[in-house]
PDB file of all heavy atoms in Angstrom:
ATOM      1  N   SER A   1       0.821  -1.208   0.000  1.00  0.00           N
ATOM      2  CA  SER A   1       0.000   0.000   0.000  1.00  0.00           C
ATOM      3  C   SER A   1       0.858   1.262   0.000  1.00  0.00           C
ATOM      4  O   SER A   1       0.624   2.197  -0.781  1.00  0.00           O
ATOM      5  CB  SER A   1      -0.929   0.001   1.213  1.00  0.00           C
ATOM      6  OG  SER A   1      -1.773  -1.126   1.206  1.00  0.00           O
ATOM      7  N   LEU A   2       1.865   1.303   0.883  1.00  0.00           N
ATOM      8  CA  LEU A   2       2.713   2.494   0.978  1.00  0.00           C
ATOM      9  C   LEU A   2       3.594   2.653  -0.255  1.00  0.00           C
ATOM     10  O   LEU A   2       3.834   3.772  -0.722  1.00  0.00           O
ATOM     11  CB  LEU A   2       3.576   2.420   2.238  1.00  0.00           C
ATOM     12  CG  LEU A   2       2.807   2.473   3.560  1.00  0.00           C
ATOM     13  CD1 LEU A   2       3.755   2.302   4.736  1.00  0.00           C
ATOM     14  CD2 LEU A   2       2.040   3.776   3.684  1.00  0.00           C
ATOM     15  N   PHE A   3       4.075   1.541  -0.789  1.00  0.00           N
ATOM     16  CA  PHE A   3       4.902   1.620  -1.999  1.00  0.00           C
ATOM     17  C   PHE A   3       4.050   2.061  -3.186  1.00  0.00           C
ATOM     18  O   PHE A   3       4.525   2.805  -4.053  1.00  0.00           O
ATOM     19  CB  PHE A   3       5.552   0.271  -2.271  1.00  0.00           C
ATOM     20  CG  PHE A   3       6.718   0.346  -3.215  1.00  0.00           C
ATOM     21  CD1 PHE A   3       7.875   1.014  -2.858  1.00  0.00           C
ATOM     22  CD2 PHE A   3       6.664  -0.264  -4.461  1.00  0.00           C
ATOM     23  CE1 PHE A   3       8.956   1.088  -3.725  1.00  0.00           C
ATOM     24  CE2 PHE A   3       7.736  -0.198  -5.324  1.00  0.00           C
ATOM     25  CZ  PHE A   3       8.880   0.474  -4.963  1.00  0.00           C
ATOM     26  N   ALA A   4       2.802   1.613  -3.234  1.00  0.00           N
ATOM     27  CA  ALA A   4       1.898   2.075  -4.288  1.00  0.00           C
ATOM     28  C   ALA A   4       1.675   3.582  -4.169  1.00  0.00           C
ATOM     29  O   ALA A   4       1.647   4.298  -5.186  1.00  0.00           O
ATOM     30  CB  ALA A   4       0.580   1.325  -4.210  1.00  0.00           C
ATOM     31  N   TYR A   5       1.508   4.082  -2.947  1.00  0.00           N
ATOM     32  CA  TYR A   5       1.361   5.523  -2.743  1.00  0.00           C
ATOM     33  C   TYR A   5       2.570   6.273  -3.307  1.00  0.00           C
ATOM     34  O   TYR A   5       2.425   7.281  -4.020  1.00  0.00           O
ATOM     35  CB  TYR A   5       1.199   5.826  -1.253  1.00  0.00           C
ATOM     36  CG  TYR A   5       1.607   7.219  -0.841  1.00  0.00           C
ATOM     37  CD1 TYR A   5       0.817   8.315  -1.154  1.00  0.00           C
ATOM     38  CD2 TYR A   5       2.808   7.438  -0.162  1.00  0.00           C
ATOM     39  CE1 TYR A   5       1.198   9.602  -0.799  1.00  0.00           C
ATOM     40  CE2 TYR A   5       3.196   8.711   0.209  1.00  0.00           C
ATOM     41  CZ  TYR A   5       2.394   9.797  -0.115  1.00  0.00           C
ATOM     42  OH  TYR A   5       2.789  11.065   0.231  1.00  0.00           O
ATOM     43  N   VAL A   6       3.763   5.774  -3.013  1.00  0.00           N
ATOM     44  CA  VAL A   6       4.978   6.426  -3.505  1.00  0.00           C
ATOM     45  C   VAL A   6       5.000   6.456  -5.028  1.00  0.00           C
ATOM     46  O   VAL A   6       5.339   7.478  -5.646  1.00  0.00           O
ATOM     47  CB  VAL A   6       6.226   5.698  -2.952  1.00  0.00           C
ATOM     48  CG1 VAL A   6       7.485   6.192  -3.647  1.00  0.00           C
ATOM     49  CG2 VAL A   6       6.343   5.914  -1.446  1.00  0.00           C
ATOM     50  N   GLN A   7       4.621   5.349  -5.658  1.00  0.00           N
ATOM     51  CA  GLN A   7       4.667   5.281  -7.115  1.00  0.00           C
ATOM     52  C   GLN A   7       3.594   6.150  -7.760  1.00  0.00           C
ATOM     53  O   GLN A   7       3.799   6.681  -8.861  1.00  0.00           O
ATOM     54  CB  GLN A   7       4.509   3.830  -7.579  1.00  0.00           C
ATOM     55  CG  GLN A   7       5.549   2.877  -7.039  1.00  0.00           C
ATOM     56  CD  GLN A   7       6.968   3.388  -7.233  1.00  0.00           C
ATOM     57  OE1 GLN A   7       7.337   3.818  -8.333  1.00  0.00           O
ATOM     58  NE2 GLN A   7       7.760   3.357  -6.170  1.00  0.00           N
ATOM     59  N   LEU A   8       2.460   6.301  -7.112  1.00  0.00           N
ATOM     60  CA  LEU A   8       1.380   7.109  -7.673  1.00  0.00           C
ATOM     61  C   LEU A   8       1.677   8.596  -7.633  1.00  0.00           C
ATOM     62  O   LEU A   8       1.013   9.387  -8.312  1.00  0.00           O
ATOM     63  CB  LEU A   8       0.076   6.829  -6.922  1.00  0.00           C
ATOM     64  CG  LEU A   8      -0.553   5.451  -7.151  1.00  0.00           C
ATOM     65  CD1 LEU A   8      -1.706   5.237  -6.173  1.00  0.00           C
ATOM     66  CD2 LEU A   8      -1.033   5.295  -8.584  1.00  0.00           C
ATOM     67  N   LEU A   9       2.671   8.998  -6.856  1.00  0.00           N
ATOM     68  CA  LEU A   9       2.990  10.420  -6.725  1.00  0.00           C
ATOM     69  C   LEU A   9       3.513  11.022  -8.017  1.00  0.00           C
ATOM     70  O   LEU A   9       3.317  12.217  -8.275  1.00  0.00           O
ATOM     71  CB  LEU A   9       4.026  10.629  -5.618  1.00  0.00           C
ATOM     72  CG  LEU A   9       3.557  10.428  -4.185  1.00  0.00           C
ATOM     73  CD1 LEU A   9       4.726  10.524  -3.225  1.00  0.00           C
ATOM     74  CD2 LEU A   9       2.485  11.458  -3.816  1.00  0.00           C
ATOM     75  N   ASP A  10       4.206  10.209  -8.838  1.00  0.00           N
ATOM     76  CA  ASP A  10       4.841  10.782 -10.033  1.00  0.00           C
ATOM     77  C   ASP A  10       4.989   9.705 -11.095  1.00  0.00           C
ATOM     78  O   ASP A  10       5.693   8.713 -10.904  1.00  0.00           O
ATOM     79  CB  ASP A  10       6.211  11.364  -9.687  1.00  0.00           C
ATOM     80  CG  ASP A  10       6.699  12.358 -10.740  1.00  0.00           C
ATOM     81  OD1 ASP A  10       6.424  12.130 -11.924  1.00  0.00           O
ATOM     82  OD2 ASP A  10       7.356  13.350 -10.376  1.00  0.00           O
ATOM     83  N   ARG A  11       4.340   9.927 -12.245  1.00  0.00           N
ATOM     84  CA  ARG A  11       4.383   8.955 -13.333  1.00  0.00           C
ATOM     85  C   ARG A  11       5.770   8.820 -13.956  1.00  0.00           C
ATOM     86  O   ARG A  11       6.053   7.821 -14.615  1.00  0.00           O
ATOM     87  CB  ARG A  11       3.393   9.364 -14.432  1.00  0.00           C
ATOM     88  CG  ARG A  11       1.953   9.033 -14.137  1.00  0.00           C
ATOM     89  CD  ARG A  11       1.026   9.688 -15.157  1.00  0.00           C
ATOM     90  NE  ARG A  11       0.816  11.093 -14.860  1.00  0.00           N
ATOM     91  CZ  ARG A  11       0.018  11.900 -15.555  1.00  0.00           C
ATOM     92  NH1 ARG A  11      -0.643  11.417 -16.595  1.00  0.00           N
ATOM     93  NH2 ARG A  11      -0.135  13.162 -15.212  1.00  0.00           N
ATOM     94  N   THR A  12       6.616   9.827 -13.790  1.00  0.00           N
ATOM     95  CA  THR A  12       7.927   9.766 -14.430  1.00  0.00           C
ATOM     96  C   THR A  12       8.797   8.663 -13.844  1.00  0.00           C
ATOM     97  O   THR A  12       9.791   8.269 -14.454  1.00  0.00           O
ATOM     98  CB  THR A  12       8.668  11.109 -14.306  1.00  0.00           C
ATOM     99  OG1 THR A  12       8.800  11.451 -12.926  1.00  0.00           O
ATOM    100  CG2 THR A  12       7.909  12.199 -15.020  1.00  0.00           C
ATOM    101  N   HIS A  13       8.447   8.153 -12.666  1.00  0.00           N
ATOM    102  CA  HIS A  13       9.245   7.107 -12.034  1.00  0.00           C
ATOM    103  C   HIS A  13       8.616   5.727 -12.171  1.00  0.00           C
ATOM    104  O   HIS A  13       9.061   4.778 -11.526  1.00  0.00           O
ATOM    105  CB  HIS A  13       9.450   7.438 -10.553  1.00  0.00           C
ATOM    106  CG  HIS A  13       9.997   8.822 -10.315  1.00  0.00           C
ATOM    107  ND1 HIS A  13      11.115   9.292 -10.967  1.00  0.00           N
ATOM    108  CD2 HIS A  13       9.556   9.848  -9.528  1.00  0.00           C
ATOM    109  CE1 HIS A  13      11.346  10.542 -10.581  1.00  0.00           C
ATOM    110  NE2 HIS A  13      10.419  10.897  -9.723  1.00  0.00           N
ATOM    111  N   TYR A  14       7.591   5.615 -13.017  1.00  0.00           N
ATOM    112  CA  TYR A  14       6.926   4.317 -13.183  1.00  0.00           C
ATOM    113  C   TYR A  14       7.888   3.279 -13.748  1.00  0.00           C
ATOM    114  O   TYR A  14       8.603   3.515 -14.726  1.00  0.00           O
ATOM    115  CB  TYR A  14       5.724   4.444 -14.115  1.00  0.00           C
ATOM    116  CG  TYR A  14       5.153   3.104 -14.513  1.00  0.00           C
ATOM    117  CD1 TYR A  14       4.264   2.437 -13.674  1.00  0.00           C
ATOM    118  CD2 TYR A  14       5.516   2.498 -15.716  1.00  0.00           C
ATOM    119  CE1 TYR A  14       3.750   1.201 -14.024  1.00  0.00           C
ATOM    120  CE2 TYR A  14       5.007   1.256 -16.074  1.00  0.00           C
ATOM    121  CZ  TYR A  14       4.123   0.613 -15.218  1.00  0.00           C
ATOM    122  OH  TYR A  14       3.628  -0.620 -15.559  1.00  0.00           O
ATOM    123  N   LEU A  15       7.924   2.118 -13.120  1.00  0.00           N
ATOM    124  CA  LEU A  15       8.669   0.966 -13.623  1.00  0.00           C
ATOM    125  C   LEU A  15       7.775  -0.261 -13.489  1.00  0.00           C
ATOM    126  O   LEU A  15       7.057  -0.418 -12.498  1.00  0.00           O
ATOM    127  CB  LEU A  15       9.963   0.755 -12.830  1.00  0.00           C
ATOM    128  CG  LEU A  15      11.062   1.800 -13.008  1.00  0.00           C
ATOM    129  CD1 LEU A  15      12.210   1.514 -12.036  1.00  0.00           C
ATOM    130  CD2 LEU A  15      11.592   1.808 -14.438  1.00  0.00           C
ATOM    131  N   ASN A  16       7.853  -1.141 -14.481  1.00  0.00           N
ATOM    132  CA  ASN A  16       7.012  -2.332 -14.449  1.00  0.00           C
ATOM    133  C   ASN A  16       7.308  -3.202 -13.231  1.00  0.00           C
ATOM    134  O   ASN A  16       6.393  -3.809 -12.664  1.00  0.00           O
ATOM    135  CB  ASN A  16       7.213  -3.141 -15.732  1.00  0.00           C
ATOM    136  CG  ASN A  16       6.472  -2.552 -16.905  1.00  0.00           C
ATOM    137  OD1 ASN A  16       5.251  -2.661 -17.001  1.00  0.00           O
ATOM    138  ND2 ASN A  16       7.201  -1.912 -17.807  1.00  0.00           N
ATOM    139  N   HIS A  17       8.584  -3.280 -12.830  1.00  0.00           N
ATOM    140  CA  HIS A  17       8.863  -4.175 -11.707  1.00  0.00           C
ATOM    141  C   HIS A  17       8.397  -3.572 -10.378  1.00  0.00           C
ATOM    142  O   HIS A  17       8.149  -4.308  -9.428  1.00  0.00           O
ATOM    143  CB  HIS A  17      10.344  -4.574 -11.657  1.00  0.00           C
ATOM    144  CG  HIS A  17      11.318  -3.466 -11.489  1.00  0.00           C
ATOM    145  ND1 HIS A  17      11.896  -2.823 -12.551  1.00  0.00           N
ATOM    146  CD2 HIS A  17      11.856  -2.916 -10.379  1.00  0.00           C
ATOM    147  CE1 HIS A  17      12.744  -1.912 -12.104  1.00  0.00           C
ATOM    148  NE2 HIS A  17      12.739  -1.944 -10.791  1.00  0.00           N
ATOM    149  N   TYR A  18       8.227  -2.243 -10.306  1.00  0.00           N
ATOM    150  CA  TYR A  18       7.615  -1.677  -9.110  1.00  0.00           C
ATOM    151  C   TYR A  18       6.127  -2.016  -9.077  1.00  0.00           C
ATOM    152  O   TYR A  18       5.546  -2.265  -8.002  1.00  0.00           O
ATOM    153  CB  TYR A  18       7.809  -0.166  -9.085  1.00  0.00           C
ATOM    154  CG  TYR A  18       9.229   0.273  -8.790  1.00  0.00           C
ATOM    155  CD1 TYR A  18       9.650   1.570  -9.048  1.00  0.00           C
ATOM    156  CD2 TYR A  18      10.155  -0.626  -8.254  1.00  0.00           C
ATOM    157  CE1 TYR A  18      10.954   1.972  -8.772  1.00  0.00           C
ATOM    158  CE2 TYR A  18      11.450  -0.230  -7.982  1.00  0.00           C
ATOM    159  CZ  TYR A  18      11.849   1.067  -8.240  1.00  0.00           C
ATOM    160  OH  TYR A  18      13.132   1.465  -7.976  1.00  0.00           O
ATOM    161  N   TYR A  19       5.505  -1.993 -10.239  1.00  0.00           N
ATOM    162  CA  TYR A  19       4.108  -2.425 -10.334  1.00  0.00           C
ATOM    163  C   TYR A  19       3.981  -3.889  -9.925  1.00  0.00           C
ATOM    164  O   TYR A  19       3.064  -4.262  -9.184  1.00  0.00           O
ATOM    165  CB  TYR A  19       3.640  -2.201 -11.770  1.00  0.00           C
ATOM    166  CG  TYR A  19       2.279  -2.764 -12.116  1.00  0.00           C
ATOM    167  CD1 TYR A  19       1.190  -2.595 -11.271  1.00  0.00           C
ATOM    168  CD2 TYR A  19       2.086  -3.442 -13.319  1.00  0.00           C
ATOM    169  CE1 TYR A  19      -0.060  -3.096 -11.615  1.00  0.00           C
ATOM    170  CE2 TYR A  19       0.847  -3.948 -13.662  1.00  0.00           C
ATOM    171  CZ  TYR A  19      -0.224  -3.772 -12.805  1.00  0.00           C
ATOM    172  OH  TYR A  19      -1.453  -4.284 -13.138  1.00  0.00           O
ATOM    173  N   LEU A  20       4.919  -4.722 -10.365  1.00  0.00           N
ATOM    174  CA  LEU A  20       4.895  -6.137  -9.987  1.00  0.00           C
ATOM    175  C   LEU A  20       5.057  -6.295  -8.480  1.00  0.00           C
ATOM    176  O   LEU A  20       4.397  -7.153  -7.869  1.00  0.00           O
ATOM    177  CB  LEU A  20       6.000  -6.890 -10.722  1.00  0.00           C
ATOM    178  CG  LEU A  20       6.156  -8.376 -10.374  1.00  0.00           C
ATOM    179  CD1 LEU A  20       4.878  -9.149 -10.695  1.00  0.00           C
ATOM    180  CD2 LEU A  20       7.351  -8.989 -11.115  1.00  0.00           C
ATOM    181  N   VAL A  21       5.923  -5.504  -7.876  1.00  0.00           N
ATOM    182  CA  VAL A  21       6.104  -5.569  -6.420  1.00  0.00           C
ATOM    183  C   VAL A  21       4.779  -5.308  -5.711  1.00  0.00           C
ATOM    184  O   VAL A  21       4.422  -6.019  -4.754  1.00  0.00           O
ATOM    185  CB  VAL A  21       7.178  -4.554  -5.973  1.00  0.00           C
ATOM    186  CG1 VAL A  21       7.097  -4.308  -4.467  1.00  0.00           C
ATOM    187  CG2 VAL A  21       8.566  -5.058  -6.347  1.00  0.00           C
ATOM    188  N   CYS A  22       4.032  -4.304  -6.161  1.00  0.00           N
ATOM    189  CA  CYS A  22       2.742  -4.008  -5.526  1.00  0.00           C
ATOM    190  C   CYS A  22       1.777  -5.168  -5.691  1.00  0.00           C
ATOM    191  O   CYS A  22       1.042  -5.523  -4.753  1.00  0.00           O
ATOM    192  CB  CYS A  22       2.150  -2.729  -6.124  1.00  0.00           C
ATOM    193  SG  CYS A  22       3.125  -1.238  -5.785  1.00  0.00           S
ATOM    194  N   MET A  23       1.755  -5.788  -6.888  1.00  0.00           N
ATOM    195  CA  MET A  23       0.868  -6.927  -7.128  1.00  0.00           C
ATOM    196  C   MET A  23       1.245  -8.109  -6.228  1.00  0.00           C
ATOM    197  O   MET A  23       0.386  -8.742  -5.610  1.00  0.00           O
ATOM    198  CB  MET A  23       0.951  -7.357  -8.592  1.00  0.00           C
ATOM    199  CG  MET A  23       0.412  -6.357  -9.594  1.00  0.00           C
ATOM    200  SD  MET A  23      -1.362  -6.025  -9.407  1.00  0.00           S
ATOM    201  CE  MET A  23      -1.293  -4.484  -8.485  1.00  0.00           C
ATOM    202  N   VAL A  24       2.539  -8.419  -6.157  1.00  0.00           N
ATOM    203  CA  VAL A  24       2.992  -9.566  -5.372  1.00  0.00           C
ATOM    204  C   VAL A  24       2.704  -9.343  -3.886  1.00  0.00           C
ATOM    205  O   VAL A  24       2.261 -10.266  -3.183  1.00  0.00           O
ATOM    206  CB  VAL A  24       4.488  -9.822  -5.614  1.00  0.00           C
ATOM    207  CG1 VAL A  24       5.053 -10.807  -4.599  1.00  0.00           C
ATOM    208  CG2 VAL A  24       4.698 -10.361  -7.028  1.00  0.00           C
ATOM    209  N   CYS A  25       2.937  -8.131  -3.401  1.00  0.00           N
ATOM    210  CA  CYS A  25       2.656  -7.854  -1.989  1.00  0.00           C
ATOM    211  C   CYS A  25       1.174  -8.008  -1.692  1.00  0.00           C
ATOM    212  O   CYS A  25       0.796  -8.537  -0.630  1.00  0.00           O
ATOM    213  CB  CYS A  25       3.131  -6.451  -1.626  1.00  0.00           C
ATOM    214  SG  CYS A  25       4.920  -6.295  -1.462  1.00  0.00           S
ATOM    215  N   GLY A  26       0.329  -7.562  -2.602  1.00  0.00           N
ATOM    216  CA  GLY A  26      -1.097  -7.731  -2.401  1.00  0.00           C
ATOM    217  C   GLY A  26      -1.502  -9.192  -2.349  1.00  0.00           C
ATOM    218  O   GLY A  26      -2.347  -9.589  -1.528  1.00  0.00           O
ATOM    219  N   LEU A  27      -0.900 -10.014  -3.198  1.00  0.00           N
ATOM    220  CA  LEU A  27      -1.204 -11.445  -3.193  1.00  0.00           C
ATOM    221  C   LEU A  27      -0.678 -12.114  -1.926  1.00  0.00           C
ATOM    222  O   LEU A  27      -1.360 -12.959  -1.323  1.00  0.00           O
ATOM    223  CB  LEU A  27      -0.612 -12.106  -4.439  1.00  0.00           C
ATOM    224  CG  LEU A  27      -1.209 -11.660  -5.777  1.00  0.00           C
ATOM    225  CD1 LEU A  27      -0.456 -12.292  -6.936  1.00  0.00           C
ATOM    226  CD2 LEU A  27      -2.693 -11.989  -5.852  1.00  0.00           C
ATOM    227  N   LEU A  28       0.534 -11.750  -1.513  1.00  0.00           N
ATOM    228  CA  LEU A  28       1.104 -12.347  -0.310  1.00  0.00           C
ATOM    229  C   LEU A  28       0.277 -12.001   0.926  1.00  0.00           C
ATOM    230  O   LEU A  28       0.200 -12.794   1.874  1.00  0.00           O
ATOM    231  CB  LEU A  28       2.544 -11.886  -0.117  1.00  0.00           C
ATOM    232  CG  LEU A  28       3.584 -12.460  -1.078  1.00  0.00           C
ATOM    233  CD1 LEU A  28       4.956 -11.855  -0.795  1.00  0.00           C
ATOM    234  CD2 LEU A  28       3.656 -13.981  -0.983  1.00  0.00           C
ATOM    235  N   ALA A  29      -0.349 -10.828   0.918  1.00  0.00           N
ATOM    236  CA  ALA A  29      -1.162 -10.434   2.070  1.00  0.00           C
ATOM    237  C   ALA A  29      -2.369 -11.347   2.252  1.00  0.00           C
ATOM    238  O   ALA A  29      -2.958 -11.379   3.342  1.00  0.00           O
ATOM    239  CB  ALA A  29      -1.622  -8.986   1.906  1.00  0.00           C
ATOM    240  N   LEU A  30      -2.733 -12.115   1.222  1.00  0.00           N
ATOM    241  CA  LEU A  30      -3.854 -13.049   1.322  1.00  0.00           C
ATOM    242  C   LEU A  30      -3.429 -14.431   1.803  1.00  0.00           C
ATOM    243  O   LEU A  30      -4.286 -15.264   2.085  1.00  0.00           O
ATOM    244  CB  LEU A  30      -4.531 -13.192  -0.049  1.00  0.00           C
ATOM    245  CG  LEU A  30      -5.067 -11.916  -0.705  1.00  0.00           C
ATOM    246  CD1 LEU A  30      -5.611 -12.252  -2.093  1.00  0.00           C
ATOM    247  CD2 LEU A  30      -6.141 -11.268   0.149  1.00  0.00           C
ATOM    248  N   MET A  31      -2.130 -14.685   1.890  1.00  0.00           N
ATOM    249  CA  MET A  31      -1.628 -16.045   2.082  1.00  0.00           C
ATOM    250  C   MET A  31      -1.141 -16.285   3.510  1.00  0.00           C
ATOM    251  O   MET A  31      -0.666 -15.358   4.169  1.00  0.00           O
ATOM    252  CB  MET A  31      -0.482 -16.307   1.095  1.00  0.00           C
ATOM    253  CG  MET A  31      -0.884 -16.171  -0.350  1.00  0.00           C
ATOM    254  SD  MET A  31       0.498 -16.481  -1.475  1.00  0.00           S
ATOM    255  CE  MET A  31      -0.295 -16.189  -3.065  1.00  0.00           C
ATOM    256  N   PRO A  32      -1.224 -17.536   3.975  1.00  0.00           N
ATOM    257  CA  PRO A  32      -0.679 -17.879   5.302  1.00  0.00           C
ATOM    258  C   PRO A  32       0.846 -17.975   5.233  1.00  0.00           C
ATOM    259  O   PRO A  32       1.408 -18.975   4.794  1.00  0.00           O
ATOM    260  CB  PRO A  32      -1.317 -19.243   5.589  1.00  0.00           C
ATOM    261  CG  PRO A  32      -1.593 -19.822   4.244  1.00  0.00           C
ATOM    262  CD  PRO A  32      -1.902 -18.683   3.333  1.00  0.00           C
ATOM    263  N   LEU A  33       1.525 -16.932   5.687  1.00  0.00           N
ATOM    264  CA  LEU A  33       2.973 -16.810   5.485  1.00  0.00           C
ATOM    265  C   LEU A  33       3.799 -17.212   6.697  1.00  0.00           C
ATOM    266  O   LEU A  33       5.023 -17.241   6.626  1.00  0.00           O
ATOM    267  CB  LEU A  33       3.321 -15.360   5.119  1.00  0.00           C
ATOM    268  CG  LEU A  33       2.651 -14.777   3.874  1.00  0.00           C
ATOM    269  CD1 LEU A  33       3.057 -13.322   3.699  1.00  0.00           C
ATOM    270  CD2 LEU A  33       3.019 -15.578   2.633  1.00  0.00           C
ATOM    271  N   SER A  34       3.175 -17.511   7.814  1.00  0.00           N
ATOM    272  CA  SER A  34       3.926 -17.692   9.056  1.00  0.00           C
ATOM    273  C   SER A  34       4.293 -19.134   9.360  1.00  0.00           C
ATOM    274  O   SER A  34       4.948 -19.397  10.373  1.00  0.00           O
ATOM    275  CB  SER A  34       3.115 -17.127  10.237  1.00  0.00           C
ATOM    276  OG  SER A  34       2.878 -15.749  10.077  1.00  0.00           O
ATOM    277  N   GLY A  35       3.891 -20.084   8.523  1.00  0.00           N
ATOM    278  CA  GLY A  35       4.013 -21.495   8.917  1.00  0.00           C
ATOM    279  C   GLY A  35       5.417 -22.028   9.006  1.00  0.00           C
ATOM    280  O   GLY A  35       5.729 -22.833   9.880  1.00  0.00           O
ATOM    281  N   VAL A  36       6.320 -21.606   8.093  1.00  0.00           N
ATOM    282  CA  VAL A  36       7.650 -22.205   8.003  1.00  0.00           C
ATOM    283  C   VAL A  36       8.699 -21.092   8.002  1.00  0.00           C
ATOM    284  O   VAL A  36       8.523 -20.058   7.368  1.00  0.00           O
ATOM    285  CB  VAL A  36       7.784 -23.053   6.714  1.00  0.00           C
ATOM    286  CG1 VAL A  36       9.196 -23.613   6.578  1.00  0.00           C
ATOM    287  CG2 VAL A  36       6.767 -24.186   6.718  1.00  0.00           C
ATOM    288  N   ALA A  37       9.798 -21.319   8.741  1.00  0.00           N
ATOM    289  CA  ALA A  37      10.955 -20.414   8.739  1.00  0.00           C
ATOM    290  C   ALA A  37      10.549 -18.973   9.013  1.00  0.00           C
ATOM    291  O   ALA A  37      10.948 -18.045   8.306  1.00  0.00           O
ATOM    292  CB  ALA A  37      11.702 -20.516   7.407  1.00  0.00           C
ATOM    293  N   SER A  38       9.768 -18.775  10.068  1.00  0.00           N
ATOM    294  CA  SER A  38       9.325 -17.429  10.398  1.00  0.00           C
ATOM    295  C   SER A  38       9.476 -17.180  11.889  1.00  0.00           C
ATOM    296  O   SER A  38       9.422 -18.110  12.707  1.00  0.00           O
ATOM    297  CB  SER A  38       7.859 -17.233   9.994  1.00  0.00           C
ATOM    298  OG  SER A  38       6.998 -17.947  10.857  1.00  0.00           O
ATOM    299  N   LEU A  39       9.643 -15.907  12.232  1.00  0.00           N
ATOM    300  CA  LEU A  39       9.689 -15.544  13.640  1.00  0.00           C
ATOM    301  C   LEU A  39       8.335 -15.759  14.304  1.00  0.00           C
ATOM    302  O   LEU A  39       8.264 -16.068  15.498  1.00  0.00           O
ATOM    303  CB  LEU A  39      10.109 -14.074  13.783  1.00  0.00           C
ATOM    304  CG  LEU A  39      11.574 -13.743  13.490  1.00  0.00           C
ATOM    305  CD1 LEU A  39      11.831 -12.259  13.718  1.00  0.00           C
ATOM    306  CD2 LEU A  39      12.504 -14.575  14.351  1.00  0.00           C
ATOM    307  N   ASP A  40       7.271 -15.607  13.539  1.00  0.00           N
ATOM    308  CA  ASP A  40       5.940 -15.842  14.099  1.00  0.00           C
ATOM    309  C   ASP A  40       5.798 -17.279  14.592  1.00  0.00           C
ATOM    310  O   ASP A  40       5.283 -17.526  15.689  1.00  0.00           O
ATOM    311  CB  ASP A  40       4.875 -15.564  13.036  1.00  0.00           C
ATOM    312  CG  ASP A  40       4.534 -14.081  12.948  1.00  0.00           C
ATOM    313  OD1 ASP A  40       5.185 -13.288  13.642  1.00  0.00           O
ATOM    314  OD2 ASP A  40       3.621 -13.729  12.182  1.00  0.00           O
ATOM    315  N   ALA A  41       6.255 -18.240  13.765  1.00  0.00           N
ATOM    316  CA  ALA A  41       6.145 -19.644  14.165  1.00  0.00           C
ATOM    317  C   ALA A  41       7.048 -19.968  15.346  1.00  0.00           C
ATOM    318  O   ALA A  41       6.709 -20.801  16.192  1.00  0.00           O
ATOM    319  CB  ALA A  41       6.495 -20.538  12.975  1.00  0.00           C
ATOM    320  N   ARG A  42       8.179 -19.299  15.424  1.00  0.00           N
ATOM    321  CA  ARG A  42       9.079 -19.517  16.564  1.00  0.00           C
ATOM    322  C   ARG A  42       8.487 -18.919  17.840  1.00  0.00           C
ATOM    323  O   ARG A  42       8.616 -19.483  18.926  1.00  0.00           O
ATOM    324  CB  ARG A  42      10.451 -18.906  16.268  1.00  0.00           C
ATOM    325  CG  ARG A  42      11.496 -19.155  17.335  1.00  0.00           C
ATOM    326  CD  ARG A  42      12.810 -18.497  16.932  1.00  0.00           C
ATOM    327  NE  ARG A  42      13.377 -19.135  15.751  1.00  0.00           N
ATOM    328  CZ  ARG A  42      14.237 -20.143  15.809  1.00  0.00           C
ATOM    329  NH1 ARG A  42      14.621 -20.624  16.978  1.00  0.00           N
ATOM    330  NH2 ARG A  42      14.721 -20.651  14.697  1.00  0.00           N
ATOM    331  N   ARG A  43       7.837 -17.767  17.677  1.00  0.00           N
ATOM    332  CA  ARG A  43       7.254 -17.077  18.827  1.00  0.00           C
ATOM    333  C   ARG A  43       5.964 -17.739  19.280  1.00  0.00           C
ATOM    334  O   ARG A  43       5.682 -17.816  20.470  1.00  0.00           O
ATOM    335  CB  ARG A  43       7.007 -15.611  18.440  1.00  0.00           C
ATOM    336  CG  ARG A  43       6.400 -14.735  19.502  1.00  0.00           C
ATOM    337  CD  ARG A  43       6.392 -13.269  19.026  1.00  0.00           C
ATOM    338  NE  ARG A  43       5.811 -13.153  17.712  1.00  0.00           N
ATOM    339  CZ  ARG A  43       4.506 -12.978  17.482  1.00  0.00           C
ATOM    340  NH1 ARG A  43       3.667 -12.933  18.497  1.00  0.00           N
ATOM    341  NH2 ARG A  43       4.058 -12.865  16.253  1.00  0.00           N
ATOM    342  N   ARG A  44       5.181 -18.217  18.309  1.00  0.00           N
ATOM    343  CA  ARG A  44       3.904 -18.861  18.618  1.00  0.00           C
ATOM    344  C   ARG A  44       3.842 -20.196  17.870  1.00  0.00           C
ATOM    345  O   ARG A  44       3.443 -20.235  16.705  1.00  0.00           O
ATOM    346  CB  ARG A  44       2.743 -17.966  18.191  1.00  0.00           C
ATOM    347  CG  ARG A  44       2.665 -16.657  18.953  1.00  0.00           C
ATOM    348  CD  ARG A  44       1.543 -15.779  18.403  1.00  0.00           C
ATOM    349  NE  ARG A  44       0.247 -16.474  18.434  1.00  0.00           N
ATOM    350  CZ  ARG A  44      -0.852 -16.030  17.807  1.00  0.00           C
ATOM    351  NH1 ARG A  44      -0.800 -14.916  17.100  1.00  0.00           N
ATOM    352  NH2 ARG A  44      -1.977 -16.713  17.892  1.00  0.00           N
TER     353      ARG A  44
END
């Protein structure tokens, strides 16, 4: 969300891989990420 805000500020800095980063982060936010090799799993 914050990286998307930064990119929306100025079109002159648009890069496809920054757009991909926003897409991937949005998808990862839907997924159970804490199960393996995470501090969350170690803590809980």
